[in-house]
N, C-alpha and C. Protein backbone atom coordinates (compact mmCIF):
# COMPACT_ATOMS: atom_id res chain seq x y z
N UNK A 1 17.32 3.16 -0.30
CA UNK A 1 16.25 3.23 -1.28
C UNK A 1 15.41 1.95 -1.17
N UNK A 2 14.09 2.09 -1.07
CA UNK A 2 13.23 0.92 -0.94
C UNK A 2 13.27 0.04 -2.19
N UNK A 3 13.12 -1.25 -1.98
CA UNK A 3 13.07 -2.19 -3.09
C UNK A 3 11.62 -2.48 -3.42
N UNK A 4 11.19 -2.26 -4.67
CA UNK A 4 9.80 -2.54 -5.01
C UNK A 4 9.53 -4.04 -5.00
N UNK A 5 8.31 -4.42 -4.64
CA UNK A 5 7.95 -5.82 -4.72
C UNK A 5 7.35 -6.09 -6.09
N UNK A 6 7.37 -7.33 -6.51
CA UNK A 6 6.80 -7.71 -7.80
C UNK A 6 5.31 -8.01 -7.64
N UNK A 7 4.60 -8.07 -8.76
CA UNK A 7 3.18 -8.43 -8.73
C UNK A 7 3.01 -9.81 -8.11
N UNK A 8 3.91 -10.74 -8.43
CA UNK A 8 3.85 -12.09 -7.89
C UNK A 8 3.98 -12.07 -6.36
N UNK A 9 4.90 -11.26 -5.83
CA UNK A 9 5.08 -11.16 -4.38
C UNK A 9 3.84 -10.56 -3.71
N UNK A 10 3.25 -9.55 -4.34
CA UNK A 10 2.05 -8.93 -3.79
C UNK A 10 0.89 -9.92 -3.78
N UNK A 11 0.71 -10.64 -4.87
CA UNK A 11 -0.35 -11.65 -4.95
C UNK A 11 -0.14 -12.71 -3.88
N UNK A 12 1.08 -13.16 -3.71
CA UNK A 12 1.38 -14.18 -2.70
C UNK A 12 1.00 -13.69 -1.30
N UNK A 13 1.35 -12.44 -0.99
CA UNK A 13 1.01 -11.89 0.32
C UNK A 13 -0.51 -11.77 0.50
N UNK A 14 -1.20 -11.33 -0.55
CA UNK A 14 -2.65 -11.13 -0.45
C UNK A 14 -3.41 -12.46 -0.37
N UNK A 15 -2.87 -13.51 -0.96
CA UNK A 15 -3.56 -14.80 -0.95
C UNK A 15 -3.70 -15.39 0.44
N UNK A 16 -2.90 -14.93 1.39
CA UNK A 16 -2.97 -15.47 2.75
C UNK A 16 -4.04 -14.77 3.59
N UNK A 17 -4.70 -13.77 3.03
CA UNK A 17 -5.66 -12.95 3.78
C UNK A 17 -7.09 -13.28 3.41
N UNK A 18 -8.01 -12.87 4.27
CA UNK A 18 -9.44 -13.02 4.00
C UNK A 18 -9.79 -12.16 2.79
N UNK A 19 -10.32 -12.75 1.71
CA UNK A 19 -10.59 -11.98 0.49
C UNK A 19 -11.71 -10.96 0.64
N UNK A 20 -12.47 -11.00 1.73
CA UNK A 20 -13.55 -10.04 1.94
C UNK A 20 -13.14 -8.82 2.76
N UNK A 21 -11.87 -8.78 3.22
CA UNK A 21 -11.41 -7.62 3.98
C UNK A 21 -11.21 -6.42 3.05
N UNK A 22 -11.52 -5.20 3.53
CA UNK A 22 -11.24 -4.01 2.71
C UNK A 22 -9.73 -3.83 2.57
N UNK A 23 -9.31 -3.24 1.47
CA UNK A 23 -7.88 -3.01 1.22
C UNK A 23 -7.62 -1.51 1.12
N UNK A 24 -6.55 -1.06 1.75
CA UNK A 24 -6.15 0.34 1.73
C UNK A 24 -4.67 0.45 1.42
N UNK A 25 -4.24 1.62 1.03
CA UNK A 25 -2.83 1.94 0.94
C UNK A 25 -2.47 2.74 2.18
N UNK A 26 -1.40 2.39 2.85
CA UNK A 26 -0.89 3.18 3.97
C UNK A 26 0.15 4.12 3.37
N UNK A 27 -0.04 5.41 3.56
CA UNK A 27 0.78 6.39 2.85
C UNK A 27 1.47 7.36 3.81
N UNK A 28 2.72 7.64 3.54
CA UNK A 28 3.50 8.72 4.12
C UNK A 28 3.74 8.59 5.62
N UNK A 29 4.93 8.14 6.01
CA UNK A 29 5.24 8.00 7.43
C UNK A 29 5.13 9.29 8.23
N UNK A 30 5.31 10.46 7.59
CA UNK A 30 5.21 11.72 8.33
C UNK A 30 3.77 12.05 8.69
N UNK A 31 2.82 11.64 7.86
CA UNK A 31 1.40 11.84 8.11
C UNK A 31 0.70 10.53 7.78
N UNK A 32 0.74 9.54 8.69
CA UNK A 32 0.28 8.19 8.39
C UNK A 32 -1.24 8.09 8.23
N UNK A 33 -1.68 8.02 7.00
CA UNK A 33 -3.09 7.89 6.68
C UNK A 33 -3.35 6.61 5.90
N UNK A 34 -4.59 6.13 5.99
CA UNK A 34 -5.04 5.01 5.16
C UNK A 34 -5.76 5.60 3.96
N UNK A 35 -5.46 5.08 2.78
CA UNK A 35 -6.08 5.55 1.55
C UNK A 35 -6.76 4.39 0.85
N UNK A 36 -7.88 4.68 0.20
CA UNK A 36 -8.56 3.67 -0.59
C UNK A 36 -7.73 3.34 -1.82
N UNK A 37 -7.78 2.09 -2.24
CA UNK A 37 -7.07 1.67 -3.45
C UNK A 37 -7.95 1.94 -4.65
N UNK A 38 -7.35 2.50 -5.69
CA UNK A 38 -8.07 2.78 -6.92
C UNK A 38 -7.65 1.83 -8.02
N UNK A 39 -7.51 2.35 -9.20
CA UNK A 39 -7.16 1.55 -10.37
C UNK A 39 -5.73 1.02 -10.28
N UNK A 40 -5.52 -0.10 -10.92
CA UNK A 40 -4.19 -0.69 -11.04
C UNK A 40 -3.83 -0.62 -12.52
N UNK A 41 -2.69 0.00 -12.83
CA UNK A 41 -2.27 0.16 -14.22
C UNK A 41 -0.82 -0.26 -14.40
N UNK A 42 -0.47 -0.57 -15.61
CA UNK A 42 0.92 -0.85 -15.97
C UNK A 42 1.45 0.37 -16.71
N UNK A 43 2.61 0.83 -16.30
CA UNK A 43 3.24 1.98 -16.94
C UNK A 43 4.72 1.74 -17.07
N UNK A 44 5.43 2.77 -17.48
CA UNK A 44 6.88 2.67 -17.64
C UNK A 44 7.56 3.20 -16.40
N UNK A 45 8.24 2.31 -15.66
CA UNK A 45 9.01 2.70 -14.49
C UNK A 45 10.41 3.10 -14.90
N UNK A 46 11.25 3.35 -13.92
CA UNK A 46 12.63 3.77 -14.20
C UNK A 46 13.43 2.68 -14.91
N UNK A 47 13.09 1.41 -14.63
CA UNK A 47 13.85 0.30 -15.22
C UNK A 47 12.99 -0.59 -16.10
N UNK A 48 11.94 -0.06 -16.68
CA UNK A 48 11.06 -0.85 -17.54
C UNK A 48 9.63 -0.85 -17.03
N UNK A 49 8.82 -1.79 -17.50
CA UNK A 49 7.41 -1.82 -17.10
C UNK A 49 7.26 -1.97 -15.59
N UNK A 50 6.21 -1.35 -15.05
CA UNK A 50 5.94 -1.40 -13.61
C UNK A 50 4.44 -1.32 -13.39
N UNK A 51 4.00 -1.82 -12.26
CA UNK A 51 2.59 -1.76 -11.87
C UNK A 51 2.41 -0.60 -10.90
N UNK A 52 1.35 0.17 -11.12
CA UNK A 52 1.04 1.30 -10.24
C UNK A 52 -0.36 1.10 -9.68
N UNK A 53 -0.48 1.21 -8.36
CA UNK A 53 -1.77 1.10 -7.68
C UNK A 53 -2.16 2.52 -7.27
N UNK A 54 -3.24 3.00 -7.85
CA UNK A 54 -3.65 4.39 -7.64
C UNK A 54 -4.36 4.56 -6.29
N UNK A 55 -4.17 5.71 -5.70
CA UNK A 55 -4.88 6.11 -4.49
C UNK A 55 -6.24 6.64 -4.93
N UNK A 56 -7.28 6.33 -4.13
CA UNK A 56 -8.63 6.72 -4.52
C UNK A 56 -9.38 7.35 -3.35
N UNK A 57 -8.74 8.26 -2.65
CA UNK A 57 -9.37 8.95 -1.54
C UNK A 57 -8.82 8.52 -0.19
N UNK A 58 -8.85 9.43 0.74
CA UNK A 58 -8.30 9.20 2.07
C UNK A 58 -9.38 8.70 3.02
N UNK A 59 -9.04 7.72 3.85
CA UNK A 59 -9.98 7.17 4.82
C UNK A 59 -9.83 7.88 6.17
N UNK A 60 -8.70 7.70 6.84
CA UNK A 60 -8.48 8.25 8.17
C UNK A 60 -7.02 8.02 8.53
N UNK A 61 -6.60 8.49 9.70
CA UNK A 61 -5.24 8.20 10.14
C UNK A 61 -5.12 6.70 10.42
N UNK A 62 -3.91 6.20 10.30
CA UNK A 62 -3.68 4.78 10.56
C UNK A 62 -3.83 4.50 12.05
N UNK A 63 -4.42 3.36 12.41
CA UNK A 63 -4.52 3.00 13.82
C UNK A 63 -3.12 2.81 14.42
N UNK A 64 -2.97 3.06 15.73
CA UNK A 64 -1.66 2.94 16.37
C UNK A 64 -0.98 1.58 16.15
N UNK A 65 -1.76 0.48 16.17
CA UNK A 65 -1.13 -0.83 15.98
C UNK A 65 -0.55 -0.99 14.58
N UNK A 66 -1.18 -0.36 13.58
CA UNK A 66 -0.67 -0.42 12.21
C UNK A 66 0.60 0.41 12.11
N UNK A 67 0.60 1.61 12.70
CA UNK A 67 1.81 2.45 12.69
C UNK A 67 2.96 1.73 13.37
N UNK A 68 2.67 1.03 14.48
CA UNK A 68 3.71 0.28 15.19
C UNK A 68 4.25 -0.83 14.32
N UNK A 69 3.36 -1.59 13.67
CA UNK A 69 3.79 -2.71 12.81
C UNK A 69 4.63 -2.21 11.65
N UNK A 70 4.30 -1.03 11.10
CA UNK A 70 5.06 -0.46 9.99
C UNK A 70 6.31 0.30 10.47
N UNK A 71 6.47 0.44 11.79
CA UNK A 71 7.57 1.19 12.41
C UNK A 71 7.54 2.65 11.94
N UNK A 72 6.34 3.22 11.98
CA UNK A 72 6.14 4.63 11.65
C UNK A 72 5.80 5.37 12.94
N UNK A 73 6.28 6.59 13.07
CA UNK A 73 6.03 7.40 14.26
C UNK A 73 4.57 7.79 14.36
N UNK A 74 4.11 8.01 15.57
CA UNK A 74 2.73 8.49 15.79
C UNK A 74 2.61 9.93 15.34
N UNK A 75 1.40 10.33 15.01
CA UNK A 75 1.15 11.71 14.58
C UNK A 75 1.04 12.60 15.79
C-alpha cells in the first residue's frame, strides 16, 4: 500500500523546481497520462484530515522518459 506524502514533503519537493514550470498529475500506471492540476482541498481521509489535489482535464500520454523514471510500463 502506498504511503501518502505530507503537505510539507510536497512543498519541499516543489521548492527545488523552477516555479514557472507547468504542473501536472501523472495518473494510472496502466494508462499513463498527464493531467492538469485543479483545486486543492482539505477533506476527511481514512485517518483524519487529508489534502486532495483535484484533476482538471487530461493533457496527453506521459513521455517515455517520465514513464521510465516512474517505473511505469509503456502503453
